[in-house]
N, C-alpha and C. Protein backbone atom coordinates (compact mmCIF):
# COMPACT_ATOMS: atom_id res chain seq x y z
N UNK A 1 0.59 21.94 15.94
CA UNK A 1 0.84 21.01 14.70
C UNK A 1 -0.39 19.99 14.63
N UNK A 2 -1.10 19.57 13.43
CA UNK A 2 -1.92 18.68 13.51
C UNK A 2 -1.34 17.43 12.95
N UNK A 3 -0.70 16.59 13.91
CA UNK A 3 -0.16 15.23 13.62
C UNK A 3 -0.86 14.44 12.86
N UNK A 4 -2.27 14.32 13.15
CA UNK A 4 -3.11 13.26 12.60
C UNK A 4 -3.28 13.58 10.88
N UNK A 5 -3.52 15.05 10.60
CA UNK A 5 -3.56 15.17 9.22
C UNK A 5 -2.25 14.68 8.65
N UNK A 6 -1.03 15.33 9.18
CA UNK A 6 0.04 15.22 8.58
C UNK A 6 0.46 13.48 8.42
N UNK A 7 0.31 12.55 9.49
CA UNK A 7 0.70 11.11 9.33
C UNK A 7 -0.26 10.64 8.44
N UNK A 8 -1.39 10.88 8.25
CA UNK A 8 -2.08 10.26 7.24
C UNK A 8 -1.58 10.66 5.38
N UNK A 9 -1.46 11.83 5.59
CA UNK A 9 -0.95 12.34 4.02
C UNK A 9 0.40 11.55 3.88
N UNK A 10 1.10 11.53 4.57
CA UNK A 10 2.53 11.24 4.23
C UNK A 10 2.59 9.51 4.25
N UNK A 11 1.83 8.93 4.95
CA UNK A 11 1.71 7.54 4.80
C UNK A 11 1.20 7.06 3.53
N UNK A 12 0.07 7.72 3.03
CA UNK A 12 -0.53 7.38 1.73
C UNK A 12 0.55 7.44 0.76
N UNK A 13 1.13 8.57 0.54
CA UNK A 13 2.08 9.08 -0.60
C UNK A 13 3.23 8.02 -0.54
N UNK A 14 3.96 7.77 0.73
CA UNK A 14 4.93 6.73 0.87
C UNK A 14 4.56 5.62 0.31
N UNK A 15 3.50 4.93 0.79
CA UNK A 15 2.92 3.53 0.34
C UNK A 15 2.78 3.58 -0.96
N UNK A 16 2.69 4.56 -1.92
CA UNK A 16 2.25 4.74 -3.12
C UNK A 16 3.60 4.58 -4.02
N UNK A 17 4.68 5.02 -3.39
CA UNK A 17 6.01 5.20 -4.13
C UNK A 17 6.85 3.87 -4.36
N UNK A 18 6.82 3.02 -3.05
CA UNK A 18 7.56 2.10 -3.31
C UNK A 18 7.21 0.98 -2.01
N UNK A 19 7.33 -0.38 -2.61
CA UNK A 19 7.10 -1.35 -1.29
C UNK A 19 8.17 -1.43 -0.53
N UNK A 20 9.61 -1.33 -0.59
CA UNK A 20 10.33 -1.32 0.21
C UNK A 20 10.22 -0.47 1.50
N UNK A 21 10.64 -1.02 2.68
CA UNK A 21 10.70 -0.05 4.04
C UNK A 21 11.83 -0.69 4.44
N UNK A 22 12.55 0.41 5.49
CA UNK A 22 13.59 -0.02 6.28
C UNK A 22 13.35 0.30 7.44
N UNK A 23 13.38 -0.55 8.57
CA UNK A 23 12.85 -0.35 9.69
C UNK A 23 14.37 0.07 10.60
N UNK A 24 14.08 1.27 11.29
CA UNK A 24 15.47 1.82 12.07
C UNK A 24 15.14 2.24 13.62
N UNK A 25 16.05 2.33 14.30
CA UNK A 25 16.22 2.95 15.70
C UNK A 25 17.56 3.77 15.76
N UNK A 26 17.65 4.79 16.39
CA UNK A 26 18.78 5.66 16.40
C UNK A 26 19.71 5.28 17.55
N UNK A 27 19.25 4.04 18.10
CA UNK A 27 20.10 3.46 19.17
C UNK A 27 21.20 2.43 18.55
N UNK A 28 20.83 1.97 17.32
CA UNK A 28 21.70 0.80 17.07
C UNK A 28 22.60 1.32 15.95
N UNK A 29 23.83 1.08 16.27
CA UNK A 29 25.06 1.22 15.31
C UNK A 29 24.98 0.68 14.01
N UNK A 30 24.41 -0.63 13.96
CA UNK A 30 24.21 -1.10 12.71
C UNK A 30 23.03 -0.59 11.86
N UNK A 31 22.24 -0.09 12.59
CA UNK A 31 21.20 0.91 11.84
C UNK A 31 22.00 2.15 11.20
N UNK A 32 22.61 2.70 11.96
CA UNK A 32 23.72 3.67 11.57
C UNK A 32 24.54 3.50 9.92
N UNK A 33 25.07 2.13 10.30
CA UNK A 33 25.83 1.68 8.84
C UNK A 33 24.98 1.59 7.88
N UNK A 34 23.64 1.05 8.11
CA UNK A 34 22.73 0.80 7.18
C UNK A 34 22.09 1.96 6.39
N UNK A 35 21.89 2.83 7.32
CA UNK A 35 21.32 4.26 6.77
C UNK A 35 22.45 4.99 5.81
N UNK A 36 23.54 4.96 6.34
CA UNK A 36 24.67 5.62 5.41
C UNK A 36 24.51 4.97 3.94
N UNK A 37 24.11 3.59 3.90
CA UNK A 37 24.46 3.12 2.66
C UNK A 37 23.03 2.73 1.98
N UNK A 38 21.50 3.12 2.84
CA UNK A 38 20.64 2.83 2.06
C UNK A 38 20.20 3.42 0.80
N UNK A 39 20.55 4.71 0.60
CA UNK A 39 20.23 5.30 -0.86
C UNK A 39 20.75 4.98 -1.77
N UNK A 40 22.17 4.28 -1.79
CA UNK A 40 22.71 3.67 -2.69
C UNK A 40 22.21 2.54 -3.13
N UNK A 41 21.81 1.44 -2.12
CA UNK A 41 21.28 0.24 -2.36
C UNK A 41 20.04 0.18 -2.42
N UNK A 42 19.08 1.02 -1.67
CA UNK A 42 17.47 0.71 -1.55
C UNK A 42 16.86 2.28 -1.88
N UNK A 43 17.16 2.87 -3.22
CA UNK A 43 17.02 4.08 -3.29
C UNK A 43 15.27 4.49 -3.24
N UNK A 44 14.73 5.13 -2.61
CA UNK A 44 13.28 5.21 -2.53
C UNK A 44 12.72 4.62 -1.47
N UNK A 45 13.49 3.91 -0.90
CA UNK A 45 12.64 2.82 0.48
C UNK A 45 12.26 3.96 1.28
N UNK A 46 11.02 3.54 1.84
CA UNK A 46 10.47 3.95 3.14
C UNK A 46 11.30 3.95 4.31
N UNK A 47 11.73 5.05 5.04
CA UNK A 47 12.42 4.74 6.29
C UNK A 47 11.30 4.62 7.56
N UNK A 48 11.37 3.68 8.30
CA UNK A 48 10.15 3.47 9.06
C UNK A 48 11.09 3.42 10.61
N UNK A 49 10.78 4.61 11.61
CA UNK A 49 11.13 4.44 12.70
C UNK A 49 10.20 3.71 13.65
N UNK A 50 11.06 2.89 14.55
CA UNK A 50 10.33 1.94 15.29
C UNK A 50 11.27 1.69 16.58
N UNK A 51 10.70 1.25 17.82
CA UNK A 51 11.29 1.56 19.06
C UNK A 51 11.90 0.07 19.19
N UNK A 52 13.28 -0.04 19.27
CA UNK A 52 13.90 -1.33 19.18
C UNK A 52 13.59 -2.00 20.69
N UNK A 53 13.52 -1.29 21.64
CA UNK A 53 13.12 -1.81 22.75
C UNK A 53 11.84 -2.55 22.97
N UNK A 54 10.85 -1.86 22.28
CA UNK A 54 9.76 -2.48 22.19
C UNK A 54 9.65 -3.73 21.58
N UNK A 55 10.41 -3.64 20.42
CA UNK A 55 10.41 -4.84 19.37
C UNK A 55 11.36 -6.00 20.36
N UNK A 56 12.31 -5.79 20.99
CA UNK A 56 13.01 -6.70 21.83
C UNK A 56 12.10 -7.25 23.12
N UNK A 57 11.13 -6.36 23.57
CA UNK A 57 10.17 -6.96 24.67
C UNK A 57 9.13 -7.96 24.04
N UNK A 58 8.75 -7.53 22.94
CA UNK A 58 7.67 -8.39 22.07
C UNK A 58 8.30 -9.98 21.83
N UNK A 59 9.71 -9.80 21.52
CA UNK A 59 10.29 -10.96 21.00
C UNK A 59 11.02 -11.74 21.99
N UNK A 60 11.14 -11.05 23.46
CA UNK A 60 11.73 -11.76 24.37
C UNK A 60 13.21 -11.82 24.13
N UNK A 61 13.81 -10.55 23.49
CA UNK A 61 15.31 -10.66 23.30
C UNK A 61 15.63 -9.34 23.76
N UNK A 62 17.02 -9.29 23.82
CA UNK A 62 17.62 -8.01 24.43
C UNK A 62 18.99 -7.69 23.67
N UNK A 63 19.80 -6.54 23.95
CA UNK A 63 20.66 -6.09 23.00
C UNK A 63 21.78 -7.03 23.31
N UNK A 64 22.58 -7.34 21.91
CA UNK A 64 23.94 -8.04 22.26
C UNK A 64 24.78 -7.06 22.84
N UNK A 65 24.57 -5.70 23.13
CA UNK A 65 25.54 -4.75 23.58
C UNK A 65 25.54 -4.91 25.03
N UNK A 66 24.59 -5.71 25.88
CA UNK A 66 24.44 -5.83 27.08
C UNK A 66 25.03 -7.29 27.58
N UNK A 67 25.86 -7.98 26.51
CA UNK A 67 26.12 -9.33 26.92
C UNK A 67 27.87 -9.44 26.74
N UNK A 68 28.50 -10.70 26.93
CA UNK A 68 30.11 -10.60 26.81
C UNK A 68 30.40 -10.17 25.27
N UNK A 69 29.34 -10.49 24.24
CA UNK A 69 29.91 -10.03 22.90
C UNK A 69 30.05 -8.65 22.69
N UNK A 70 29.79 -7.98 23.62
CA UNK A 70 29.81 -6.18 23.28
C UNK A 70 31.03 -5.93 22.98
N UNK A 71 32.25 -6.13 23.33
CA UNK A 71 33.35 -5.66 23.00
C UNK A 71 33.81 -5.96 21.36
N UNK A 72 33.55 -7.25 21.06
CA UNK A 72 33.97 -7.60 19.89
C UNK A 72 32.99 -7.14 18.96
N UNK A 73 31.72 -7.22 19.16
CA UNK A 73 30.65 -6.38 18.35
C UNK A 73 31.08 -4.93 18.00
N UNK A 74 31.56 -4.29 19.06
CA UNK A 74 31.90 -2.86 18.77
C UNK A 74 32.98 -2.78 17.73
N UNK A 75 33.99 -3.67 18.06
CA UNK A 75 35.30 -3.65 17.02
C UNK A 75 34.60 -4.27 15.60
N UNK A 76 33.60 -5.04 15.42
CA UNK A 76 33.30 -5.36 14.18
C UNK A 76 32.39 -4.10 13.47
N UNK A 77 31.80 -3.29 14.25
CA UNK A 77 31.11 -2.13 13.59
C UNK A 77 32.18 -1.18 13.31
N UNK A 78 33.34 -1.10 13.95
CA UNK A 78 34.12 -0.05 13.73
C UNK A 78 34.91 -0.44 12.36
N UNK A 79 35.15 -2.01 12.09
CA UNK A 79 35.68 -2.32 11.31
C UNK A 79 34.84 -2.12 9.96
N UNK A 80 33.44 -2.30 9.94
CA UNK A 80 32.84 -2.21 9.05
C UNK A 80 32.56 -0.74 8.40
N UNK A 81 32.51 0.19 9.53
CA UNK A 81 32.61 1.55 9.25
C UNK A 81 33.58 2.17 8.24
N UNK A 82 34.72 1.32 8.67
CA UNK A 82 36.16 1.81 8.00
C UNK A 82 36.05 1.00 6.45
N UNK A 83 35.51 -0.14 6.49
CA UNK A 83 35.44 -0.76 5.10
C UNK A 83 34.63 0.05 4.19
N UNK A 84 33.62 0.92 4.78
CA UNK A 84 32.42 1.44 4.01
C UNK A 84 32.85 2.78 3.84
N UNK A 85 34.04 3.27 4.21
CA UNK A 85 34.58 4.73 4.09
C UNK A 85 33.93 5.67 4.71
N UNK A 86 33.42 5.30 5.91
CA UNK A 86 32.87 6.22 6.93
C UNK A 86 33.97 6.63 7.98
N UNK A 87 33.26 7.71 8.44
CA UNK A 87 34.33 8.33 9.68
C UNK A 87 34.37 7.27 10.60
N UNK A 88 35.65 7.22 11.59
CA UNK A 88 35.85 6.51 12.76
C UNK A 88 34.46 6.49 13.52
N UNK A 89 33.93 5.48 14.31
CA UNK A 89 32.65 5.47 15.01
C UNK A 89 33.21 5.96 16.37
N UNK A 90 32.39 6.89 16.84
CA UNK A 90 32.56 7.50 17.83
C UNK A 90 31.48 7.07 19.02
N UNK A 91 31.79 6.20 20.05
CA UNK A 91 30.83 5.62 20.94
C UNK A 91 30.12 6.61 21.77
N UNK A 92 28.81 6.70 21.62
CA UNK A 92 28.15 7.52 22.90
C UNK A 92 28.32 6.71 24.30
N UNK A 93 28.16 7.84 25.44
CA UNK A 93 28.21 7.36 26.77
C UNK A 93 27.23 7.88 27.62
N UNK A 94 26.15 7.33 27.88
CA UNK A 94 26.13 5.56 28.06
C UNK A 94 25.65 5.23 26.52
N UNK A 95 25.80 4.04 26.35
CA UNK A 95 25.44 3.30 24.99
C UNK A 95 25.37 1.74 25.54
N UNK A 96 24.48 1.17 25.11
CA UNK A 96 22.99 1.67 24.77
C UNK A 96 22.28 2.40 26.02
N UNK A 97 21.24 3.31 25.15
CA UNK A 97 20.59 4.26 26.10
C UNK A 97 19.11 3.95 25.75
N UNK A 98 18.20 4.89 26.36
CA UNK A 98 16.80 4.85 26.27
C UNK A 98 16.71 5.67 25.24
N UNK A 99 16.11 5.20 23.94
CA UNK A 99 15.88 5.90 22.71
C UNK A 99 14.49 6.38 22.59
N UNK A 100 13.79 6.04 23.47
CA UNK A 100 12.08 6.45 23.67
C UNK A 100 11.85 7.86 23.04
N UNK A 101 12.64 8.94 23.69
CA UNK A 101 12.25 10.37 23.27
C UNK A 101 12.76 10.46 21.67
N UNK A 102 13.86 10.01 21.37
CA UNK A 102 14.39 10.16 20.18
C UNK A 102 13.28 9.46 18.99
N UNK A 103 12.90 8.26 19.32
CA UNK A 103 12.09 7.70 18.37
C UNK A 103 10.62 8.38 18.35
N UNK A 104 10.25 8.98 19.39
CA UNK A 104 8.96 9.82 19.22
C UNK A 104 9.28 11.08 18.25
N UNK A 105 10.54 11.52 18.53
CA UNK A 105 10.75 12.70 17.79
C UNK A 105 11.00 12.25 16.31
N UNK A 106 11.34 10.90 15.99
CA UNK A 106 11.62 10.25 14.44
C UNK A 106 10.05 10.40 14.13
N UNK A 107 9.20 9.63 14.94
CA UNK A 107 7.81 9.43 14.60
C UNK A 107 7.11 10.83 14.05
N UNK A 108 7.47 11.90 14.90
CA UNK A 108 6.95 13.23 14.57
C UNK A 108 7.35 13.65 13.39
N UNK A 109 8.89 13.44 12.97
CA UNK A 109 9.44 13.89 11.86
C UNK A 109 8.81 13.12 10.49
N UNK A 110 8.63 11.69 10.90
CA UNK A 110 7.76 11.25 9.81
C UNK A 110 6.38 11.75 9.37
N UNK A 111 5.78 12.07 10.48
CA UNK A 111 4.68 12.59 10.00
C UNK A 111 4.62 13.88 9.11
N UNK A 112 5.72 14.57 9.39
CA UNK A 112 6.18 15.83 8.47
C UNK A 112 7.17 15.39 7.23
N UNK A 113 6.97 14.24 6.96
CA UNK A 113 7.76 13.77 5.62
C UNK A 113 9.28 14.08 6.07
N UNK A 114 9.94 13.92 7.01
CA UNK A 114 11.15 14.47 7.37
C UNK A 114 11.79 13.21 8.26
N UNK A 115 11.36 11.85 8.16
CA UNK A 115 12.19 10.85 8.73
C UNK A 115 13.29 10.59 8.41
N UNK A 116 13.60 10.57 7.14
CA UNK A 116 14.92 10.30 6.64
C UNK A 116 15.99 11.40 7.04
N UNK A 117 15.77 12.51 6.82
CA UNK A 117 16.67 13.68 7.49
C UNK A 117 17.04 13.43 8.82
N UNK A 118 15.90 13.24 9.68
CA UNK A 118 16.06 13.16 11.05
C UNK A 118 16.70 11.89 11.53
N UNK A 119 16.12 10.89 11.11
CA UNK A 119 16.90 9.47 11.51
C UNK A 119 18.67 9.59 11.09
N UNK A 120 19.00 10.12 9.85
CA UNK A 120 20.23 10.17 9.50
C UNK A 120 20.96 11.27 10.17
N UNK A 121 20.30 12.15 10.75
CA UNK A 121 20.98 13.18 11.46
C UNK A 121 21.46 12.82 13.01
N UNK A 122 20.07 12.03 13.46
CA UNK A 122 20.34 11.53 14.80
C UNK A 122 21.36 10.54 14.99
N UNK A 123 21.26 9.47 13.87
CA UNK A 123 22.43 8.36 13.85
C UNK A 123 23.96 8.82 13.62
N UNK A 124 24.15 9.83 12.92
CA UNK A 124 25.39 10.54 12.73
C UNK A 124 25.73 11.29 14.12
N UNK A 125 24.81 12.08 14.90
CA UNK A 125 25.12 12.65 16.02
C UNK A 125 25.71 11.57 17.04
N UNK A 126 24.74 10.34 16.80
CA UNK A 126 25.25 9.23 17.74
C UNK A 126 26.56 8.57 17.64
N UNK A 127 26.65 8.17 16.11
CA UNK A 127 27.87 7.41 16.06
C UNK A 127 28.93 8.02 15.18
N UNK A 128 29.10 9.14 14.85
CA UNK A 128 30.04 9.86 14.65
C UNK A 128 30.57 10.95 15.47
N UNK A 129 29.67 11.68 16.21
CA UNK A 129 29.99 12.72 17.41
C UNK A 129 30.02 11.94 18.62
N UNK A 130 29.60 10.85 18.97
CA UNK A 130 29.27 10.15 20.17
C UNK A 130 28.29 10.80 21.33
N UNK A 131 27.27 11.69 20.51
CA UNK A 131 26.10 12.36 21.28
C UNK A 131 25.35 11.24 21.97
N UNK A 132 24.93 11.47 23.18
CA UNK A 132 23.96 10.48 23.80
C UNK A 132 22.36 11.02 23.48
N UNK A 133 21.98 10.11 22.62
CA UNK A 133 20.67 10.58 21.77
C UNK A 133 19.55 10.03 22.78
N UNK A 134 19.95 9.71 24.17
CA UNK A 134 18.74 9.47 25.10
C UNK A 134 18.66 11.02 25.83
N UNK A 135 19.31 11.96 25.38
CA UNK A 135 19.31 13.19 25.93
C UNK A 135 18.47 14.12 24.92
N UNK A 136 17.35 14.70 25.58
CA UNK A 136 16.52 15.65 24.60
C UNK A 136 17.12 16.69 23.94
N UNK A 137 18.30 17.28 24.67
CA UNK A 137 19.03 18.23 23.88
C UNK A 137 19.72 17.74 22.48
N UNK A 138 20.03 16.38 22.65
CA UNK A 138 20.74 15.74 21.53
C UNK A 138 19.63 15.64 20.27
N UNK A 139 18.30 15.05 20.83
CA UNK A 139 17.35 14.98 19.95
C UNK A 139 16.87 16.25 19.15
N UNK A 140 16.90 17.18 20.05
CA UNK A 140 16.57 18.66 19.40
C UNK A 140 17.59 18.95 18.44
N UNK A 141 18.71 18.89 18.68
CA UNK A 141 19.93 19.28 17.89
C UNK A 141 19.70 18.35 16.37
N UNK A 142 19.21 17.12 16.41
CA UNK A 142 19.18 16.45 15.28
C UNK A 142 17.69 16.85 14.71
N UNK A 143 17.02 17.49 15.28
CA UNK A 143 15.67 18.06 14.64
C UNK A 143 16.21 18.98 13.88
N UNK A 144 17.14 20.06 14.54
CA UNK A 144 17.56 21.25 13.91
C UNK A 144 18.14 20.69 12.71
N UNK A 145 19.29 19.84 12.63
CA UNK A 145 20.08 19.52 11.57
C UNK A 145 19.06 18.99 10.17
N UNK A 146 18.00 18.35 10.81
CA UNK A 146 16.98 17.71 9.75
C UNK A 146 16.14 18.73 9.11
N UNK A 147 16.30 20.36 9.63
CA UNK A 147 15.69 21.37 9.00
C UNK A 147 14.34 21.32 9.71
N UNK A 148 14.09 20.66 10.77
CA UNK A 148 12.90 20.74 11.75
C UNK A 148 12.69 21.78 12.67
N UNK A 149 11.34 22.22 13.10
CA UNK A 149 11.30 23.14 14.05
C UNK A 149 11.47 22.59 15.66
N UNK A 150 12.69 22.85 16.25
CA UNK A 150 13.08 22.04 17.22
C UNK A 150 11.89 22.16 18.51
N UNK A 151 11.26 23.45 18.45
CA UNK A 151 10.18 23.63 19.61
C UNK A 151 9.29 22.61 19.20
N UNK A 152 8.82 22.76 17.81
CA UNK A 152 7.52 22.06 17.47
C UNK A 152 7.85 20.25 18.00
N UNK A 153 9.03 19.98 17.47
CA UNK A 153 9.50 18.62 17.76
C UNK A 153 9.21 18.40 19.57
N UNK A 154 9.93 19.40 20.15
CA UNK A 154 10.03 19.30 21.76
C UNK A 154 8.26 18.99 22.11
N UNK A 155 7.57 19.85 21.58
CA UNK A 155 6.18 19.47 22.20
C UNK A 155 5.87 18.23 21.75
N UNK A 156 6.09 17.76 20.52
CA UNK A 156 5.59 16.44 19.85
C UNK A 156 5.75 15.35 20.63
N UNK A 157 7.00 15.22 20.86
CA UNK A 157 7.35 13.85 21.95
C UNK A 157 6.66 13.74 23.15
N UNK A 158 5.98 14.46 23.58
CA UNK A 158 4.97 14.46 24.43
C UNK A 158 3.39 14.59 24.25
N UNK A 159 3.32 14.16 23.09
CA UNK A 159 2.07 14.59 22.41
C UNK A 159 1.50 12.83 22.50
N UNK A 160 0.03 12.73 22.95
CA UNK A 160 -0.35 11.46 23.03
C UNK A 160 -0.57 10.66 21.70
N UNK A 161 -0.94 11.25 20.72
CA UNK A 161 -1.10 10.95 19.31
C UNK A 161 0.42 10.49 18.72
N UNK A 162 1.37 11.33 19.03
CA UNK A 162 2.74 10.89 18.64
C UNK A 162 2.98 9.60 19.27
N UNK A 163 2.90 9.51 20.78
CA UNK A 163 3.22 8.03 21.30
C UNK A 163 2.49 7.20 20.84
N UNK A 164 1.14 7.24 20.39
CA UNK A 164 0.51 6.23 19.85
C UNK A 164 0.82 5.55 18.41
N UNK A 165 1.39 6.63 17.75
CA UNK A 165 1.83 6.42 16.21
C UNK A 165 3.06 5.48 16.44
N UNK A 166 4.03 5.67 17.47
CA UNK A 166 5.22 4.88 17.54
C UNK A 166 4.87 3.56 18.04
N UNK A 167 3.95 3.53 19.00
CA UNK A 167 3.50 2.40 19.54
C UNK A 167 2.74 1.36 18.32
N UNK A 168 1.98 2.03 17.68
CA UNK A 168 1.44 1.29 16.28
C UNK A 168 2.58 0.89 15.31
N UNK A 169 3.59 1.63 15.03
CA UNK A 169 4.64 1.43 13.88
C UNK A 169 5.26 0.15 14.60
N UNK A 170 5.57 0.09 15.74
CA UNK A 170 6.52 -0.97 16.50
C UNK A 170 5.83 -2.17 16.60
N UNK A 171 4.30 -2.16 16.90
CA UNK A 171 3.48 -3.37 16.90
C UNK A 171 3.59 -3.86 15.49
N UNK A 172 3.22 -3.10 14.45
CA UNK A 172 3.03 -3.48 13.12
C UNK A 172 4.46 -4.06 12.77
N UNK A 173 5.68 -3.81 13.15
CA UNK A 173 6.91 -4.15 12.71
C UNK A 173 7.00 -5.72 13.25
N UNK A 174 6.49 -5.61 14.76
CA UNK A 174 6.63 -6.97 15.19
C UNK A 174 5.76 -8.03 14.40
N UNK A 175 4.45 -7.55 14.10
CA UNK A 175 3.39 -8.34 13.20
C UNK A 175 4.22 -8.84 12.11
N UNK A 176 4.88 -8.12 11.57
CA UNK A 176 5.54 -8.15 10.13
C UNK A 176 6.62 -9.57 10.43
N UNK A 177 7.02 -9.42 11.48
CA UNK A 177 8.08 -10.56 11.92
C UNK A 177 9.47 -9.69 12.17
N UNK A 178 9.40 -8.38 12.21
CA UNK A 178 10.82 -7.94 12.37
C UNK A 178 11.13 -8.36 13.88
N UNK A 179 12.38 -8.37 14.08
CA UNK A 179 12.91 -8.74 15.65
C UNK A 179 14.13 -7.89 15.93
N UNK A 180 14.83 -7.14 14.90
CA UNK A 180 15.80 -6.28 15.19
C UNK A 180 15.80 -5.20 14.05
N UNK A 181 17.01 -4.52 14.36
CA UNK A 181 17.04 -3.32 13.25
C UNK A 181 18.57 -3.24 12.70
N UNK A 182 18.99 -2.89 11.55
CA UNK A 182 18.17 -2.74 10.60
C UNK A 182 17.33 -3.92 9.88
N UNK A 183 16.05 -3.63 9.29
CA UNK A 183 15.40 -4.69 8.80
C UNK A 183 14.83 -4.10 7.33
N UNK A 184 15.26 -4.72 6.54
CA UNK A 184 14.45 -4.28 5.04
C UNK A 184 13.17 -4.97 4.80
N UNK A 185 12.33 -4.51 4.55
CA UNK A 185 11.07 -5.44 3.90
C UNK A 185 10.89 -5.01 2.23
N UNK A 186 10.92 -5.89 1.50
CA UNK A 186 10.80 -6.01 0.09
C UNK A 186 9.70 -6.88 -0.34
N UNK A 187 8.35 -6.33 -0.65
CA UNK A 187 7.51 -7.29 -0.87
C UNK A 187 7.11 -7.85 0.23
N UNK A 188 7.19 -9.57 0.43
CA UNK A 188 6.94 -10.10 1.73
C UNK A 188 8.17 -10.68 2.44
N UNK A 189 9.57 -10.12 2.00
CA UNK A 189 10.63 -10.56 2.27
C UNK A 189 11.27 -9.80 3.33
N UNK A 190 11.67 -10.21 4.47
CA UNK A 190 12.53 -9.59 5.29
C UNK A 190 14.20 -9.74 5.57
N UNK A 191 15.00 -8.84 5.51
CA UNK A 191 16.33 -8.82 5.48
C UNK A 191 16.74 -7.94 6.70
N UNK A 192 17.14 -8.85 7.68
CA UNK A 192 17.70 -8.28 8.96
C UNK A 192 19.13 -8.04 8.98
N UNK A 193 19.76 -6.85 9.14
CA UNK A 193 21.11 -6.65 9.03
C UNK A 193 21.62 -5.71 8.17
N UNK A 194 22.75 -5.10 8.75
CA UNK A 194 23.34 -4.24 7.67
C UNK A 194 24.05 -4.73 6.64
N UNK A 195 24.31 -5.94 6.65
CA UNK A 195 25.11 -6.76 5.31
C UNK A 195 23.96 -7.62 4.93
N UNK A 196 22.82 -7.34 5.15
CA UNK A 196 21.64 -7.89 4.10
C UNK A 196 21.26 -6.90 3.46
N UNK A 197 21.52 -5.67 3.40
CA UNK A 197 21.20 -4.73 2.43
C UNK A 197 21.48 -5.07 0.79
N UNK A 198 22.36 -5.67 0.40
CA UNK A 198 22.65 -6.19 -0.73
C UNK A 198 21.72 -7.07 -1.10
N UNK A 199 21.13 -8.15 -0.49
CA UNK A 199 20.13 -9.06 -0.48
C UNK A 199 18.88 -8.54 -0.83
N UNK A 200 18.51 -7.39 0.19
CA UNK A 200 17.52 -6.85 -0.27
C UNK A 200 17.28 -5.85 -1.24
N UNK A 201 18.51 -5.39 -1.93
CA UNK A 201 18.43 -4.63 -3.07
C UNK A 201 18.33 -5.53 -4.22
N UNK A 202 18.86 -6.77 -4.16
CA UNK A 202 18.84 -7.75 -5.06
C UNK A 202 17.17 -8.31 -5.41
N UNK A 203 16.41 -8.55 -4.36
CA UNK A 203 15.26 -8.57 -4.14
C UNK A 203 14.40 -7.37 -5.09
N UNK A 204 14.90 -6.26 -4.67
CA UNK A 204 14.25 -5.14 -5.13
C UNK A 204 14.51 -4.70 -6.62
N UNK A 205 15.56 -5.66 -7.07
CA UNK A 205 15.88 -5.32 -8.33
C UNK A 205 17.10 -4.41 -8.77
N UNK A 206 17.55 -3.75 -7.74
CA UNK A 206 18.51 -2.59 -7.76
C UNK A 206 19.93 -2.92 -7.41
N UNK A 207 20.10 -4.29 -7.24
CA UNK A 207 21.85 -4.44 -6.86
C UNK A 207 22.10 -6.04 -6.79
N UNK A 208 23.20 -6.54 -7.18
CA UNK A 208 23.40 -7.81 -6.82
C UNK A 208 23.43 -8.40 -5.29
N UNK A 209 23.39 -9.51 -5.05
CA UNK A 209 23.01 -10.21 -3.69
C UNK A 209 24.42 -10.11 -2.78
N UNK A 210 24.49 -10.38 -1.74
CA UNK A 210 25.42 -10.55 -0.79
C UNK A 210 25.34 -10.49 0.42
N UNK A 211 26.33 -10.77 1.38
CA UNK A 211 26.07 -10.57 2.78
C UNK A 211 25.55 -11.76 3.52
N UNK A 212 25.73 -11.49 4.97
CA UNK A 212 25.37 -12.72 5.47
C UNK A 212 24.42 -12.24 6.94
N UNK A 213 24.40 -11.04 7.21
CA UNK A 213 23.41 -10.63 8.01
C UNK A 213 23.99 -10.25 9.48
N UNK A 214 23.57 -8.89 9.95
CA UNK A 214 24.01 -8.53 11.28
C UNK A 214 23.38 -7.32 11.59
N UNK A 215 22.83 -7.30 12.68
CA UNK A 215 21.97 -6.02 13.34
C UNK A 215 21.92 -5.97 14.76
N UNK A 216 20.98 -5.27 15.32
CA UNK A 216 20.64 -5.19 16.89
C UNK A 216 19.34 -6.05 17.09
C-alpha cells in the first residue's frame, strides 16, 4: 500500500469539503459520545485521529481517569450516554490503555478515506462492548468492521510513514491549541468537549448553541 499517495489525495479532498474538523482518540469515552452525535451536529466534518497521550505530554497534562475524579467521571459518561439514547457504556479493562497501535491504524484508515468508519467502529468496540483497544486483535476487528483489509492495517501500524503521519497530526493539533479530545475546530474557533458540539455546530451554522464542555 502506498500510504504517501493515499494521504495526499485524501487530505486535499477533505480540506476542500469543509473547514470543520473533529479531533478524536479511540481511548476517550467523551470522544465516543461526540462521535455518536457528530454526524447530526457537524455533518461533513473531517474526523482527525490524534494520539491523546502525545497531546497530554505536549501540554503537561494527564487523564482525569488517573485521578480521584475517575469514578464520578465514569458515572457522568454513563448518564450522558443514557441521555443521548445510546446503549449502556461497557468499560474496557484495563482503561485507560495505550492507544498507540489503534491510532496508527486510524491514521492508516484516514489515508484510505475510511477514518470515520474506523474511528466509530473502534469507539463502539471500546465503549459498547468493553474491548481493550490497546490490543492489536481488537484494532484489527475494528478495521474489519470498517470494511478495511485487516492484513494491510496490521502492516500499516508498523510502517514508518504511518507513524510519522500520526506524529505530525498530533503535533499539528497541539499547535492549533488542542489540549484534549474531543475537540472541534470551526474556522479559527476550538470547542473542547462532547457537550461543546452544539456550540461548534452553531459556529458552523448548523445548530443552536448549548453545552458547557467536557472531554478527556
